[in-house]
């Protein structure tokens, strides 16, 4: 694979990941404010989301080979 294609893939993937992460955090904050909570997520919820994201990445990438 050409180096330029790798670079473009990394840049686009990074930008999309950052945008999706920003929107997810913004949504969590809005929901927390609407419910009157002081913190958007608990530690266990954050851990569940993180592990779920890792699982999703693993499926998208075809698993560890």
PDB file of N, CA and C in Angstrom:
ATOM      1  N   UNK A   1       0.847  -1.175   0.000  1.00  0.00           N
ATOM      2  CA  UNK A   1       0.000   0.000   0.000  1.00  0.00           C
ATOM      3  C   UNK A   1       0.895   1.243   0.000  1.00  0.00           C
ATOM      4  N   UNK A   2       0.517   2.229  -0.760  1.00  0.00           N
ATOM      5  CA  UNK A   2       1.304   3.447  -0.861  1.00  0.00           C
ATOM      6  C   UNK A   2       1.274   4.215   0.454  1.00  0.00           C
ATOM      7  N   UNK A   3       2.360   4.912   0.689  1.00  0.00           N
ATOM      8  CA  UNK A   3       2.499   5.697   1.919  1.00  0.00           C
ATOM      9  C   UNK A   3       1.454   6.811   1.998  1.00  0.00           C
ATOM     10  N   UNK A   4       1.133   7.420   0.854  1.00  0.00           N
ATOM     11  CA  UNK A   4       0.167   8.514   0.851  1.00  0.00           C
ATOM     12  C   UNK A   4      -1.242   8.024   1.202  1.00  0.00           C
ATOM     13  N   UNK A   5      -1.586   6.827   0.782  1.00  0.00           N
ATOM     14  CA  UNK A   5      -2.894   6.263   1.101  1.00  0.00           C
ATOM     15  C   UNK A   5      -2.979   5.967   2.594  1.00  0.00           C
ATOM     16  N   UNK A   6      -1.886   5.466   3.161  1.00  0.00           N
ATOM     17  CA  UNK A   6      -1.847   5.205   4.597  1.00  0.00           C
ATOM     18  C   UNK A   6      -2.037   6.499   5.381  1.00  0.00           C
ATOM     19  N   UNK A   7      -1.346   7.546   4.955  1.00  0.00           N
ATOM     20  CA  UNK A   7      -1.444   8.841   5.644  1.00  0.00           C
ATOM     21  C   UNK A   7      -2.857   9.394   5.566  1.00  0.00           C
ATOM     22  N   UNK A   8      -3.458   9.344   4.402  1.00  0.00           N
ATOM     23  CA  UNK A   8      -4.824   9.846   4.234  1.00  0.00           C
ATOM     24  C   UNK A   8      -5.797   9.049   5.097  1.00  0.00           C
ATOM     25  N   UNK A   9      -5.627   7.725   5.132  1.00  0.00           N
ATOM     26  CA  UNK A   9      -6.486   6.871   5.948  1.00  0.00           C
ATOM     27  C   UNK A   9      -6.359   7.224   7.421  1.00  0.00           C
ATOM     28  N   UNK A  10      -5.136   7.427   7.891  1.00  0.00           N
ATOM     29  CA  UNK A  10      -4.922   7.793   9.285  1.00  0.00           C
ATOM     30  C   UNK A  10      -5.522   9.159   9.624  1.00  0.00           C
ATOM     31  N   UNK A  11      -5.358  10.118   8.749  1.00  0.00           N
ATOM     32  CA  UNK A  11      -5.883  11.463   8.995  1.00  0.00           C
ATOM     33  C   UNK A  11      -7.409  11.449   9.039  1.00  0.00           C
ATOM     34  N   UNK A  12      -8.025  10.783   8.077  1.00  0.00           N
ATOM     35  CA  UNK A  12      -9.487  10.716   8.040  1.00  0.00           C
ATOM     36  C   UNK A  12     -10.025   9.943   9.237  1.00  0.00           C
ATOM     37  N   UNK A  13      -9.395   8.824   9.562  1.00  0.00           N
ATOM     38  CA  UNK A  13      -9.828   8.035  10.715  1.00  0.00           C
ATOM     39  C   UNK A  13      -9.703   8.800  12.018  1.00  0.00           C
ATOM     40  N   UNK A  14      -8.623   9.528  12.179  1.00  0.00           N
ATOM     41  CA  UNK A  14      -8.419  10.336  13.379  1.00  0.00           C
ATOM     42  C   UNK A  14      -9.459  11.442  13.476  1.00  0.00           C
ATOM     43  N   UNK A  15      -9.715  12.121  12.379  1.00  0.00           N
ATOM     44  CA  UNK A  15     -10.688  13.210  12.383  1.00  0.00           C
ATOM     45  C   UNK A  15     -12.093  12.686  12.694  1.00  0.00           C
ATOM     46  N   UNK A  16     -12.473  11.570  12.078  1.00  0.00           N
ATOM     47  CA  UNK A  16     -13.802  11.004  12.337  1.00  0.00           C
ATOM     48  C   UNK A  16     -13.924  10.537  13.790  1.00  0.00           C
ATOM     49  N   UNK A  17     -12.879   9.930  14.312  1.00  0.00           N
ATOM     50  CA  UNK A  17     -12.886   9.481  15.703  1.00  0.00           C
ATOM     51  C   UNK A  17     -13.021  10.640  16.672  1.00  0.00           C
ATOM     52  N   UNK A  18     -12.313  11.721  16.393  1.00  0.00           N
ATOM     53  CA  UNK A  18     -12.393  12.903  17.250  1.00  0.00           C
ATOM     54  C   UNK A  18     -13.795  13.519  17.204  1.00  0.00           C
ATOM     55  N   UNK A  19     -14.364  13.612  16.024  1.00  0.00           N
ATOM     56  CA  UNK A  19     -15.709  14.179  15.892  1.00  0.00           C
ATOM     57  C   UNK A  19     -16.754  13.313  16.587  1.00  0.00           C
ATOM     58  N   UNK A  20     -16.665  12.005  16.416  1.00  0.00           N
ATOM     59  CA  UNK A  20     -17.613  11.103  17.060  1.00  0.00           C
ATOM     60  C   UNK A  20     -17.468  11.146  18.577  1.00  0.00           C
ATOM     61  N   UNK A  21     -16.238  11.200  19.063  1.00  0.00           N
ATOM     62  CA  UNK A  21     -15.998  11.297  20.494  1.00  0.00           C
ATOM     63  C   UNK A  21     -16.535  12.592  21.074  1.00  0.00           C
ATOM     64  N   UNK A  22     -16.342  13.685  20.367  1.00  0.00           N
ATOM     65  CA  UNK A  22     -16.853  14.983  20.805  1.00  0.00           C
ATOM     66  C   UNK A  22     -18.372  14.973  20.895  1.00  0.00           C
ATOM     67  N   UNK A  23     -19.013  14.448  19.863  1.00  0.00           N
ATOM     68  CA  UNK A  23     -20.477  14.402  19.858  1.00  0.00           C
ATOM     69  C   UNK A  23     -21.015  13.491  20.961  1.00  0.00           C
ATOM     70  N   UNK A  24     -20.343  12.381  21.202  1.00  0.00           N
ATOM     71  CA  UNK A  24     -20.769  11.465  22.262  1.00  0.00           C
ATOM     72  C   UNK A  24     -20.671  12.148  23.624  1.00  0.00           C
ATOM     73  N   UNK A  25     -19.569  12.841  23.868  1.00  0.00           N
ATOM     74  CA  UNK A  25     -19.390  13.551  25.138  1.00  0.00           C
ATOM     75  C   UNK A  25     -20.418  14.666  25.286  1.00  0.00           C
ATOM     76  N   UNK A  26     -20.680  15.387  24.216  1.00  0.00           N
ATOM     77  CA  UNK A  26     -21.653  16.474  24.265  1.00  0.00           C
ATOM     78  C   UNK A  26     -23.053  15.935  24.560  1.00  0.00           C
ATOM     79  N   UNK A  27     -23.390  14.803  23.959  1.00  0.00           N
ATOM     80  CA  UNK A  27     -24.686  14.179  24.205  1.00  0.00           C
ATOM     81  C   UNK A  27     -24.810  13.723  25.653  1.00  0.00           C
ATOM     82  N   UNK A  28     -23.759  13.111  26.193  1.00  0.00           N
ATOM     83  CA  UNK A  28     -23.770  12.686  27.587  1.00  0.00           C
ATOM     84  C   UNK A  28     -23.962  13.867  28.528  1.00  0.00           C
ATOM     85  N   UNK A  29     -23.298  14.971  28.247  1.00  0.00           N
ATOM     86  CA  UNK A  29     -23.419  16.162  29.090  1.00  0.00           C
ATOM     87  C   UNK A  29     -24.838  16.719  29.018  1.00  0.00           C
ATOM     88  N   UNK A  30     -25.403  16.796  27.830  1.00  0.00           N
ATOM     89  CA  UNK A  30     -26.777  17.298  27.688  1.00  0.00           C
ATOM     90  C   UNK A  30     -27.771  16.432  28.449  1.00  0.00           C
ATOM     91  N   UNK A  31     -27.631  15.102  28.328  1.00  0.00           N
ATOM     92  CA  UNK A  31     -28.534  14.193  29.031  1.00  0.00           C
ATOM     93  C   UNK A  31     -28.376  14.319  30.542  1.00  0.00           C
ATOM     94  N   UNK A  32     -27.148  14.498  30.990  1.00  0.00           N
ATOM     95  CA  UNK A  32     -26.888  14.643  32.413  1.00  0.00           C
ATOM     96  C   UNK A  32     -27.508  15.928  32.947  1.00  0.00           C
ATOM     97  N   UNK A  33     -27.373  17.006  32.209  1.00  0.00           N
ATOM     98  CA  UNK A  33     -27.959  18.282  32.632  1.00  0.00           C
ATOM     99  C   UNK A  33     -29.476  18.211  32.645  1.00  0.00           C
ATOM    100  N   UNK A  34     -30.046  17.530  31.659  1.00  0.00           N
ATOM    101  CA  UNK A  34     -31.507  17.410  31.599  1.00  0.00           C
ATOM    102  C   UNK A  34     -32.042  16.589  32.773  1.00  0.00           C
ATOM    103  N   UNK A  35     -31.248  15.602  33.219  1.00  0.00           N
ATOM    104  CA  UNK A  35     -31.668  14.754  34.341  1.00  0.00           C
ATOM    105  C   UNK A  35     -31.305  15.371  35.682  1.00  0.00           C
ATOM    106  N   UNK A  36     -30.565  16.471  35.674  1.00  0.00           N
ATOM    107  CA  UNK A  36     -30.191  17.142  36.914  1.00  0.00           C
ATOM    108  C   UNK A  36     -29.056  16.470  37.660  1.00  0.00           C
ATOM    109  N   UNK A  37     -28.253  15.674  36.966  1.00  0.00           N
ATOM    110  CA  UNK A  37     -27.118  14.986  37.594  1.00  0.00           C
ATOM    111  C   UNK A  37     -25.893  15.893  37.570  1.00  0.00           C
ATOM    112  N   UNK A  38     -25.010  15.693  38.553  1.00  0.00           N
ATOM    113  CA  UNK A  38     -23.799  16.505  38.602  1.00  0.00           C
ATOM    114  C   UNK A  38     -22.684  15.926  37.728  1.00  0.00           C
ATOM    115  N   UNK A  39     -22.669  14.605  37.550  1.00  0.00           N
ATOM    116  CA  UNK A  39     -21.660  13.981  36.686  1.00  0.00           C
ATOM    117  C   UNK A  39     -22.365  13.225  35.557  1.00  0.00           C
ATOM    118  N   UNK A  40     -21.836  13.342  34.344  1.00  0.00           N
ATOM    119  CA  UNK A  40     -22.483  12.687  33.205  1.00  0.00           C
ATOM    120  C   UNK A  40     -22.468  11.157  33.280  1.00  0.00           C
ATOM    121  N   UNK A  41     -21.365  10.580  33.743  1.00  0.00           N
ATOM    122  CA  UNK A  41     -21.259   9.119  33.810  1.00  0.00           C
ATOM    123  C   UNK A  41     -20.522   8.716  35.077  1.00  0.00           C
ATOM    124  N   UNK A  42     -20.808   7.511  35.520  1.00  0.00           N
ATOM    125  CA  UNK A  42     -20.068   6.953  36.651  1.00  0.00           C
ATOM    126  C   UNK A  42     -18.831   6.238  36.123  1.00  0.00           C
ATOM    127  N   UNK A  43     -17.957   5.860  37.032  1.00  0.00           N
ATOM    128  CA  UNK A  43     -16.733   5.165  36.620  1.00  0.00           C
ATOM    129  C   UNK A  43     -17.054   3.831  35.946  1.00  0.00           C
ATOM    130  N   UNK A  44     -18.038   3.113  36.474  1.00  0.00           N
ATOM    131  CA  UNK A  44     -18.377   1.822  35.873  1.00  0.00           C
ATOM    132  C   UNK A  44     -18.998   2.000  34.488  1.00  0.00           C
ATOM    133  N   UNK A  45     -19.795   3.035  34.305  1.00  0.00           N
ATOM    134  CA  UNK A  45     -20.364   3.296  32.985  1.00  0.00           C
ATOM    135  C   UNK A  45     -19.259   3.648  31.986  1.00  0.00           C
ATOM    136  N   UNK A  46     -18.292   4.444  32.417  1.00  0.00           N
ATOM    137  CA  UNK A  46     -17.182   4.811  31.537  1.00  0.00           C
ATOM    138  C   UNK A  46     -16.375   3.584  31.144  1.00  0.00           C
ATOM    139  N   UNK A  47     -16.172   2.684  32.101  1.00  0.00           N
ATOM    140  CA  UNK A  47     -15.449   1.449  31.812  1.00  0.00           C
ATOM    141  C   UNK A  47     -16.219   0.588  30.808  1.00  0.00           C
ATOM    142  N   UNK A  48     -17.533   0.499  30.980  1.00  0.00           N
ATOM    143  CA  UNK A  48     -18.356  -0.271  30.052  1.00  0.00           C
ATOM    144  C   UNK A  48     -18.301   0.314  28.647  1.00  0.00           C
ATOM    145  N   UNK A  49     -18.363   1.632  28.541  1.00  0.00           N
ATOM    146  CA  UNK A  49     -18.303   2.283  27.232  1.00  0.00           C
ATOM    147  C   UNK A  49     -16.939   2.046  26.591  1.00  0.00           C
ATOM    148  N   UNK A  50     -15.880   2.173  27.378  1.00  0.00           N
ATOM    149  CA  UNK A  50     -14.536   1.954  26.855  1.00  0.00           C
ATOM    150  C   UNK A  50     -14.329   0.543  26.346  1.00  0.00           C
ATOM    151  N   UNK A  51     -14.776  -0.434  27.119  1.00  0.00           N
ATOM    152  CA  UNK A  51     -14.641  -1.826  26.688  1.00  0.00           C
ATOM    153  C   UNK A  51     -15.515  -2.120  25.468  1.00  0.00           C
ATOM    154  N   UNK A  52     -16.682  -1.503  25.420  1.00  0.00           N
ATOM    155  CA  UNK A  52     -17.547  -1.667  24.247  1.00  0.00           C
ATOM    156  C   UNK A  52     -16.904  -1.078  23.000  1.00  0.00           C
ATOM    157  N   UNK A  53     -16.258   0.077  23.155  1.00  0.00           N
ATOM    158  CA  UNK A  53     -15.577   0.708  22.016  1.00  0.00           C
ATOM    159  C   UNK A  53     -14.418  -0.157  21.536  1.00  0.00           C
ATOM    160  N   UNK A  54     -13.674  -0.737  22.479  1.00  0.00           N
ATOM    161  CA  UNK A  54     -12.581  -1.620  22.086  1.00  0.00           C
ATOM    162  C   UNK A  54     -13.096  -2.848  21.341  1.00  0.00           C
ATOM    163  N   UNK A  55     -14.207  -3.395  21.798  1.00  0.00           N
ATOM    164  CA  UNK A  55     -14.808  -4.533  21.113  1.00  0.00           C
ATOM    165  C   UNK A  55     -15.246  -4.182  19.705  1.00  0.00           C
ATOM    166  N   UNK A  56     -15.824  -2.988  19.570  1.00  0.00           N
ATOM    167  CA  UNK A  56     -16.257  -2.525  18.246  1.00  0.00           C
ATOM    168  C   UNK A  56     -15.062  -2.352  17.319  1.00  0.00           C
ATOM    169  N   UNK A  57     -14.001  -1.754  17.815  1.00  0.00           N
ATOM    170  CA  UNK A  57     -12.798  -1.579  17.005  1.00  0.00           C
ATOM    171  C   UNK A  57     -12.216  -2.915  16.588  1.00  0.00           C
ATOM    172  N   UNK A  58     -12.276  -3.862  17.487  1.00  0.00           N
ATOM    173  CA  UNK A  58     -11.758  -5.199  17.178  1.00  0.00           C
ATOM    174  C   UNK A  58     -12.565  -5.856  16.049  1.00  0.00           C
ATOM    175  N   UNK A  59     -13.889  -5.675  16.092  1.00  0.00           N
ATOM    176  CA  UNK A  59     -14.735  -6.252  15.047  1.00  0.00           C
ATOM    177  C   UNK A  59     -14.492  -5.558  13.717  1.00  0.00           C
ATOM    178  N   UNK A  60     -14.367  -4.242  13.740  1.00  0.00           N
ATOM    179  CA  UNK A  60     -14.175  -3.483  12.505  1.00  0.00           C
ATOM    180  C   UNK A  60     -12.844  -3.844  11.864  1.00  0.00           C
ATOM    181  N   UNK A  61     -11.817  -4.018  12.684  1.00  0.00           N
ATOM    182  CA  UNK A  61     -10.483  -4.298  12.141  1.00  0.00           C
ATOM    183  C   UNK A  61     -10.292  -5.770  11.790  1.00  0.00           C
ATOM    184  N   UNK A  62     -11.277  -6.608  12.069  1.00  0.00           N
ATOM    185  CA  UNK A  62     -11.165  -8.028  11.741  1.00  0.00           C
ATOM    186  C   UNK A  62     -10.533  -8.840  12.840  1.00  0.00           C
ATOM    187  N   UNK A  63     -10.443  -8.272  14.026  1.00  0.00           N
ATOM    188  CA  UNK A  63      -9.861  -9.004  15.155  1.00  0.00           C
ATOM    189  C   UNK A  63      -8.351  -8.963  15.134  1.00  0.00           C
ATOM    190  N   UNK A  64      -7.770  -9.431  16.200  1.00  0.00           N
ATOM    191  CA  UNK A  64      -6.311  -9.479  16.291  1.00  0.00           C
ATOM    192  C   UNK A  64      -5.804 -10.713  15.575  1.00  0.00           C
ATOM    193  N   UNK A  65      -4.859 -10.525  14.696  1.00  0.00           N
ATOM    194  CA  UNK A  65      -4.326 -11.642  13.901  1.00  0.00           C
ATOM    195  C   UNK A  65      -2.869 -11.858  14.216  1.00  0.00           C
TER     196      UNK A  65
END
